Amino acid sequence: MMYRGGMRTPNAQQIEQITAQLGKYGKIEGKNVFYWFQNHKARERQKQKRNSLVLNSPPITTITLNTRMKPIL
């Protein structure tokens, strides 16, 4: 796969080449290829951000209170 191979932001010529290759399997336009790369990068950034937030967040502490409320008379 090209993306995993290091191609993150293909230029116009590369998009045309990818579109031509994928066109053998069905109808596709250059904008579809462009948006695919754009969306894939955005999802990868979101995933990295989510993972870093989980790793950098402090542990959650639970406090249990064993108190009874007195009834109001």
PDB file of N, CA and C in Angstrom:
ATOM      1  N   MET A   1       0.844  -1.176   0.000  1.00  0.00           N
ATOM      2  CA  MET A   1       0.000   0.000   0.000  1.00  0.00           C
ATOM      3  C   MET A   1       0.889   1.239   0.000  1.00  0.00           C
ATOM      4  N   MET A   2       0.538   2.194  -0.787  1.00  0.00           N
ATOM      5  CA  MET A   2       1.368   3.385  -0.941  1.00  0.00           C
ATOM      6  C   MET A   2       1.438   4.223   0.325  1.00  0.00           C
ATOM      7  N   TYR A   3       0.320   4.350   1.013  1.00  0.00           N
ATOM      8  CA  TYR A   3       0.293   5.181   2.222  1.00  0.00           C
ATOM      9  C   TYR A   3       1.232   4.623   3.275  1.00  0.00           C
ATOM     10  N   ARG A   4       1.160   3.336   3.504  1.00  0.00           N
ATOM     11  CA  ARG A   4       2.034   2.703   4.501  1.00  0.00           C
ATOM     12  C   ARG A   4       3.485   2.701   4.046  1.00  0.00           C
ATOM     13  N   GLY A   5       3.682   2.818   2.737  1.00  0.00           N
ATOM     14  CA  GLY A   5       5.030   2.876   2.194  1.00  0.00           C
ATOM     15  C   GLY A   5       5.682   4.235   2.368  1.00  0.00           C
ATOM     16  N   GLY A   6       4.936   5.199   2.893  1.00  0.00           N
ATOM     17  CA  GLY A   6       5.515   6.508   3.164  1.00  0.00           C
ATOM     18  C   GLY A   6       4.899   7.656   2.383  1.00  0.00           C
ATOM     19  N   MET A   7       4.064   7.354   1.394  1.00  0.00           N
ATOM     20  CA  MET A   7       3.445   8.422   0.612  1.00  0.00           C
ATOM     21  C   MET A   7       2.260   8.974   1.397  1.00  0.00           C
ATOM     22  N   ARG A   8       2.422  10.167   1.961  1.00  0.00           N
ATOM     23  CA  ARG A   8       1.373  10.778   2.774  1.00  0.00           C
ATOM     24  C   ARG A   8       0.610  11.856   2.006  1.00  0.00           C
ATOM     25  N   THR A   9       1.325  12.646   1.211  1.00  0.00           N
ATOM     26  CA  THR A   9       0.702  13.736   0.466  1.00  0.00           C
ATOM     27  C   THR A   9       1.191  13.677  -0.978  1.00  0.00           C
ATOM     28  N   PRO A  10       0.517  12.908  -1.812  1.00  0.00           N
ATOM     29  CA  PRO A  10       0.963  12.804  -3.203  1.00  0.00           C
ATOM     30  C   PRO A  10       0.728  14.115  -3.953  1.00  0.00           C
ATOM     31  N   ASN A  11       1.644  14.423  -4.875  1.00  0.00           N
ATOM     32  CA  ASN A  11       1.454  15.614  -5.698  1.00  0.00           C
ATOM     33  C   ASN A  11       0.474  15.293  -6.828  1.00  0.00           C
ATOM     34  N   ALA A  12       0.167  16.296  -7.652  1.00  0.00           N
ATOM     35  CA  ALA A  12      -0.848  16.131  -8.700  1.00  0.00           C
ATOM     36  C   ALA A  12      -0.490  15.001  -9.667  1.00  0.00           C
ATOM     37  N   GLN A  13       0.777  14.902 -10.024  1.00  0.00           N
ATOM     38  CA  GLN A  13       1.201  13.848 -10.956  1.00  0.00           C
ATOM     39  C   GLN A  13       1.027  12.460 -10.330  1.00  0.00           C
ATOM     40  N   GLN A  14       1.379  12.330  -9.076  1.00  0.00           N
ATOM     41  CA  GLN A  14       1.225  11.044  -8.390  1.00  0.00           C
ATOM     42  C   GLN A  14      -0.250  10.672  -8.257  1.00  0.00           C
ATOM     43  N   ILE A  15      -1.093  11.665  -7.991  1.00  0.00           N
ATOM     44  CA  ILE A  15      -2.536  11.411  -7.898  1.00  0.00           C
ATOM     45  C   ILE A  15      -3.066  10.910  -9.235  1.00  0.00           C
ATOM     46  N   GLU A  16      -2.594  11.502 -10.332  1.00  0.00           N
ATOM     47  CA  GLU A  16      -3.018  11.046 -11.666  1.00  0.00           C
ATOM     48  C   GLU A  16      -2.591   9.605 -11.904  1.00  0.00           C
ATOM     49  N   GLN A  17      -1.367   9.265 -11.504  1.00  0.00           N
ATOM     50  CA  GLN A  17      -0.868   7.899 -11.690  1.00  0.00           C
ATOM     51  C   GLN A  17      -1.681   6.903 -10.858  1.00  0.00           C
ATOM     52  N   ILE A  18      -1.960   7.261  -9.622  1.00  0.00           N
ATOM     53  CA  ILE A  18      -2.746   6.385  -8.749  1.00  0.00           C
ATOM     54  C   ILE A  18      -4.152   6.217  -9.312  1.00  0.00           C
ATOM     55  N   THR A  19      -4.727   7.321  -9.789  1.00  0.00           N
ATOM     56  CA  THR A  19      -6.073   7.284 -10.372  1.00  0.00           C
ATOM     57  C   THR A  19      -6.101   6.371 -11.590  1.00  0.00           C
ATOM     58  N   ALA A  20      -5.070   6.453 -12.424  1.00  0.00           N
ATOM     59  CA  ALA A  20      -5.003   5.598 -13.615  1.00  0.00           C
ATOM     60  C   ALA A  20      -4.914   4.123 -13.218  1.00  0.00           C
ATOM     61  N   GLN A  21      -4.117   3.821 -12.202  1.00  0.00           N
ATOM     62  CA  GLN A  21      -3.981   2.435 -11.749  1.00  0.00           C
ATOM     63  C   GLN A  21      -5.301   1.912 -11.191  1.00  0.00           C
ATOM     64  N   LEU A  22      -5.960   2.731 -10.365  1.00  0.00           N
ATOM     65  CA  LEU A  22      -7.226   2.302  -9.765  1.00  0.00           C
ATOM     66  C   LEU A  22      -8.353   2.270 -10.786  1.00  0.00           C
ATOM     67  N   GLY A  23      -8.234   3.074 -11.833  1.00  0.00           N
ATOM     68  CA  GLY A  23      -9.250   3.109 -12.884  1.00  0.00           C
ATOM     69  C   GLY A  23      -9.402   1.779 -13.606  1.00  0.00           C
ATOM     70  N   LYS A  24      -8.409   0.925 -13.509  1.00  0.00           N
ATOM     71  CA  LYS A  24      -8.495  -0.409 -14.116  1.00  0.00           C
ATOM     72  C   LYS A  24      -9.558  -1.260 -13.427  1.00  0.00           C
ATOM     73  N   TYR A  25      -9.874  -0.913 -12.170  1.00  0.00           N
ATOM     74  CA  TYR A  25     -10.814  -1.704 -11.379  1.00  0.00           C
ATOM     75  C   TYR A  25     -12.208  -1.096 -11.304  1.00  0.00           C
ATOM     76  N   GLY A  26     -12.339   0.117 -11.785  1.00  0.00           N
ATOM     77  CA  GLY A  26     -13.641   0.778 -11.745  1.00  0.00           C
ATOM     78  C   GLY A  26     -13.483   2.273 -11.914  1.00  0.00           C
ATOM     79  N   LYS A  27     -14.613   2.941 -11.992  1.00  0.00           N
ATOM     80  CA  LYS A  27     -14.607   4.382 -12.208  1.00  0.00           C
ATOM     81  C   LYS A  27     -14.126   5.105 -10.945  1.00  0.00           C
ATOM     82  N   ILE A  28     -13.157   5.984 -11.118  1.00  0.00           N
ATOM     83  CA  ILE A  28     -12.624   6.770 -10.004  1.00  0.00           C
ATOM     84  C   ILE A  28     -12.061   8.069 -10.561  1.00  0.00           C
ATOM     85  N   GLU A  29     -12.139   9.109  -9.768  1.00  0.00           N
ATOM     86  CA  GLU A  29     -11.619  10.412 -10.174  1.00  0.00           C
ATOM     87  C   GLU A  29     -10.453  10.795  -9.271  1.00  0.00           C
ATOM     88  N   GLY A  30      -9.648  11.717  -9.771  1.00  0.00           N
ATOM     89  CA  GLY A  30      -8.498  12.186  -9.005  1.00  0.00           C
ATOM     90  C   GLY A  30      -8.884  12.773  -7.660  1.00  0.00           C
ATOM     91  N   LYS A  31     -10.035  13.443  -7.623  1.00  0.00           N
ATOM     92  CA  LYS A  31     -10.448  14.050  -6.345  1.00  0.00           C
ATOM     93  C   LYS A  31     -10.738  12.978  -5.295  1.00  0.00           C
ATOM     94  N   ASN A  32     -11.203  11.798  -5.745  1.00  0.00           N
ATOM     95  CA  ASN A  32     -11.433  10.702  -4.797  1.00  0.00           C
ATOM     96  C   ASN A  32     -10.120  10.256  -4.159  1.00  0.00           C
ATOM     97  N   VAL A  33      -9.090  10.176  -4.975  1.00  0.00           N
ATOM     98  CA  VAL A  33      -7.771   9.777  -4.479  1.00  0.00           C
ATOM     99  C   VAL A  33      -7.238  10.848  -3.536  1.00  0.00           C
ATOM    100  N   PHE A  34      -7.362  12.112  -3.939  1.00  0.00           N
ATOM    101  CA  PHE A  34      -6.900  13.227  -3.109  1.00  0.00           C
ATOM    102  C   PHE A  34      -7.584  13.206  -1.748  1.00  0.00           C
ATOM    103  N   TYR A  35      -8.906  13.084  -1.748  1.00  0.00           N
ATOM    104  CA  TYR A  35      -9.661  13.088  -0.490  1.00  0.00           C
ATOM    105  C   TYR A  35      -9.353  11.860   0.360  1.00  0.00           C
ATOM    106  N   TRP A  36      -9.105  10.716  -0.290  1.00  0.00           N
ATOM    107  CA  TRP A  36      -8.760   9.523   0.474  1.00  0.00           C
ATOM    108  C   TRP A  36      -7.501   9.777   1.295  1.00  0.00           C
ATOM    109  N   PHE A  37      -6.461  10.315   0.661  1.00  0.00           N
ATOM    110  CA  PHE A  37      -5.215  10.593   1.374  1.00  0.00           C
ATOM    111  C   PHE A  37      -5.436  11.628   2.471  1.00  0.00           C
ATOM    112  N   GLN A  38      -6.214  12.660   2.172  1.00  0.00           N
ATOM    113  CA  GLN A  38      -6.494  13.702   3.155  1.00  0.00           C
ATOM    114  C   GLN A  38      -7.226  13.120   4.373  1.00  0.00           C
ATOM    115  N   ASN A  39      -8.248  12.321   4.119  1.00  0.00           N
ATOM    116  CA  ASN A  39      -9.018  11.716   5.210  1.00  0.00           C
ATOM    117  C   ASN A  39      -8.179  10.729   6.018  1.00  0.00           C
ATOM    118  N   HIS A  40      -7.355   9.966   5.329  1.00  0.00           N
ATOM    119  CA  HIS A  40      -6.525   8.976   6.013  1.00  0.00           C
ATOM    120  C   HIS A  40      -5.543   9.661   6.965  1.00  0.00           C
ATOM    121  N   LYS A  41      -4.951  10.768   6.501  1.00  0.00           N
ATOM    122  CA  LYS A  41      -4.032  11.518   7.365  1.00  0.00           C
ATOM    123  C   LYS A  41      -4.757  12.071   8.583  1.00  0.00           C
ATOM    124  N   ALA A  42      -5.959  12.621   8.365  1.00  0.00           N
ATOM    125  CA  ALA A  42      -6.733  13.203   9.471  1.00  0.00           C
ATOM    126  C   ALA A  42      -7.087  12.139  10.502  1.00  0.00           C
ATOM    127  N   ARG A  43      -7.506  10.968  10.038  1.00  0.00           N
ATOM    128  CA  ARG A  43      -7.852   9.886  10.969  1.00  0.00           C
ATOM    129  C   ARG A  43      -6.631   9.417  11.751  1.00  0.00           C
ATOM    130  N   GLU A  44      -5.486   9.373  11.072  1.00  0.00           N
ATOM    131  CA  GLU A  44      -4.260   8.954  11.744  1.00  0.00           C
ATOM    132  C   GLU A  44      -3.869   9.965  12.829  1.00  0.00           C
ATOM    133  N   ARG A  45      -4.003  11.265  12.522  1.00  0.00           N
ATOM    134  CA  ARG A  45      -3.699  12.298  13.521  1.00  0.00           C
ATOM    135  C   ARG A  45      -4.648  12.200  14.712  1.00  0.00           C
ATOM    136  N   GLN A  46      -5.936  11.973  14.446  1.00  0.00           N
ATOM    137  CA  GLN A  46      -6.915  11.833  15.530  1.00  0.00           C
ATOM    138  C   GLN A  46      -6.567  10.645  16.420  1.00  0.00           C
ATOM    139  N   LYS A  47      -6.182   9.546  15.800  1.00  0.00           N
ATOM    140  CA  LYS A  47      -5.833   8.344  16.558  1.00  0.00           C
ATOM    141  C   LYS A  47      -4.601   8.597  17.426  1.00  0.00           C
ATOM    142  N   GLN A  48      -3.595   9.266  16.866  1.00  0.00           N
ATOM    143  CA  GLN A  48      -2.390   9.571  17.631  1.00  0.00           C
ATOM    144  C   GLN A  48      -2.708  10.505  18.793  1.00  0.00           C
ATOM    145  N   LYS A  49      -3.561  11.492  18.541  1.00  0.00           N
ATOM    146  CA  LYS A  49      -3.942  12.434  19.593  1.00  0.00           C
ATOM    147  C   LYS A  49      -4.698  11.711  20.707  1.00  0.00           C
ATOM    148  N   ARG A  50      -5.626  10.842  20.316  1.00  0.00           N
ATOM    149  CA  ARG A  50      -6.404  10.076  21.287  1.00  0.00           C
ATOM    150  C   ARG A  50      -5.482   9.187  22.130  1.00  0.00           C
ATOM    151  N   ASN A  51      -4.535   8.537  21.475  1.00  0.00           N
ATOM    152  CA  ASN A  51      -3.602   7.660  22.192  1.00  0.00           C
ATOM    153  C   ASN A  51      -2.704   8.451  23.136  1.00  0.00           C
ATOM    154  N   SER A  52      -2.256   9.624  22.727  1.00  0.00           N
ATOM    155  CA  SER A  52      -1.388  10.419  23.594  1.00  0.00           C
ATOM    156  C   SER A  52      -2.167  10.965  24.780  1.00  0.00           C
ATOM    157  N   LEU A  53      -3.447  11.276  24.603  1.00  0.00           N
ATOM    158  CA  LEU A  53      -4.262  11.750  25.720  1.00  0.00           C
ATOM    159  C   LEU A  53      -4.448  10.647  26.751  1.00  0.00           C
ATOM    160  N   VAL A  54      -4.650   9.432  26.290  1.00  0.00           N
ATOM    161  CA  VAL A  54      -4.837   8.298  27.198  1.00  0.00           C
ATOM    162  C   VAL A  54      -3.547   8.016  27.959  1.00  0.00           C
ATOM    163  N   LEU A  55      -2.421   8.073  27.283  1.00  0.00           N
ATOM    164  CA  LEU A  55      -1.143   7.771  27.926  1.00  0.00           C
ATOM    165  C   LEU A  55      -0.711   8.867  28.892  1.00  0.00           C
ATOM    166  N   ASN A  56      -1.079  10.118  28.611  1.00  0.00           N
ATOM    167  CA  ASN A  56      -0.634  11.238  29.432  1.00  0.00           C
ATOM    168  C   ASN A  56      -1.623  11.646  30.517  1.00  0.00           C
ATOM    169  N   SER A  57      -2.783  11.027  30.550  1.00  0.00           N
ATOM    170  CA  SER A  57      -3.774  11.416  31.552  1.00  0.00           C
ATOM    171  C   SER A  57      -3.468  10.735  32.884  1.00  0.00           C
ATOM    172  N   PRO A  58      -3.738  11.441  33.987  1.00  0.00           N
ATOM    173  CA  PRO A  58      -3.489  10.835  35.303  1.00  0.00           C
ATOM    174  C   PRO A  58      -4.481   9.711  35.570  1.00  0.00           C
ATOM    175  N   PRO A  59      -4.121   8.775  36.427  1.00  0.00           N
ATOM    176  CA  PRO A  59      -5.043   7.666  36.723  1.00  0.00           C
ATOM    177  C   PRO A  59      -6.303   8.185  37.419  1.00  0.00           C
ATOM    178  N   ILE A  60      -7.386   7.507  37.201  1.00  0.00           N
ATOM    179  CA  ILE A  60      -8.659   7.879  37.803  1.00  0.00           C
ATOM    180  C   ILE A  60      -8.722   7.277  39.203  1.00  0.00           C
ATOM    181  N   THR A  61      -9.044   8.112  40.179  1.00  0.00           N
ATOM    182  CA  THR A  61      -9.138   7.667  41.567  1.00  0.00           C
ATOM    183  C   THR A  61     -10.603   7.639  41.973  1.00  0.00           C
ATOM    184  N   THR A  62     -10.996   6.568  42.616  1.00  0.00           N
ATOM    185  CA  THR A  62     -12.375   6.435  43.080  1.00  0.00           C
ATOM    186  C   THR A  62     -12.398   6.584  44.596  1.00  0.00           C
ATOM    187  N   ILE A  63     -13.293   7.424  45.070  1.00  0.00           N
ATOM    188  CA  ILE A  63     -13.449   7.633  46.508  1.00  0.00           C
ATOM    189  C   ILE A  63     -14.837   7.151  46.898  1.00  0.00           C
ATOM    190  N   THR A  64     -14.888   6.307  47.910  1.00  0.00           N
ATOM    191  CA  THR A  64     -16.171   5.808  48.400  1.00  0.00           C
ATOM    192  C   THR A  64     -16.417   6.403  49.776  1.00  0.00           C
ATOM    193  N   LEU A  65     -17.563   7.019  49.932  1.00  0.00           N
ATOM    194  CA  LEU A  65     -17.924   7.606  51.219  1.00  0.00           C
ATOM    195  C   LEU A  65     -18.944   6.711  51.900  1.00  0.00           C
ATOM    196  N   ASN A  66     -18.649   6.309  53.110  1.00  0.00           N
ATOM    197  CA  ASN A  66     -19.557   5.463  53.874  1.00  0.00           C
ATOM    198  C   ASN A  66     -20.238   6.302  54.954  1.00  0.00           C
ATOM    199  N   THR A  67     -21.041   7.212  54.555  1.00  0.00           N
ATOM    200  CA  THR A  67     -21.764   8.046  55.516  1.00  0.00           C
ATOM    201  C   THR A  67     -23.250   7.855  55.307  1.00  0.00           C
ATOM    202  N   ARG A  68     -23.964   7.966  56.394  1.00  0.00           N
ATOM    203  CA  ARG A  68     -25.417   7.852  56.308  1.00  0.00           C
ATOM    204  C   ARG A  68     -26.014   9.220  56.581  1.00  0.00           C
ATOM    205  N   MET A  69     -27.026   9.533  55.834  1.00  0.00           N
ATOM    206  CA  MET A  69     -27.704  10.800  56.050  1.00  0.00           C
ATOM    207  C   MET A  69     -28.788  10.602  57.102  1.00  0.00           C
ATOM    208  N   LYS A  70     -28.890  11.562  58.010  1.00  0.00           N
ATOM    209  CA  LYS A  70     -29.930  11.508  59.037  1.00  0.00           C
ATOM    210  C   LYS A  70     -31.225  12.048  58.448  1.00  0.00           C
ATOM    211  N   PRO A  71     -32.325  11.394  58.727  1.00  0.00           N
ATOM    212  CA  PRO A  71     -33.598  11.892  58.199  1.00  0.00           C
ATOM    213  C   PRO A  71     -33.973  13.220  58.849  1.00  0.00           C
ATOM    214  N   ILE A  72     -34.550  14.087  58.068  1.00  0.00           N
ATOM    215  CA  ILE A  72     -35.003  15.385  58.572  1.00  0.00           C
ATOM    216  C   ILE A  72     -36.404  15.205  59.131  1.00  0.00           C
ATOM    217  N   LEU A  73     -36.603  15.587  60.395  1.00  0.00           N
ATOM    218  CA  LEU A  73     -37.903  15.440  61.058  1.00  0.00           C
ATOM    219  C   LEU A  73     -38.617  16.744  61.180  1.00  0.00           C
TER     220      LEU A  73
END
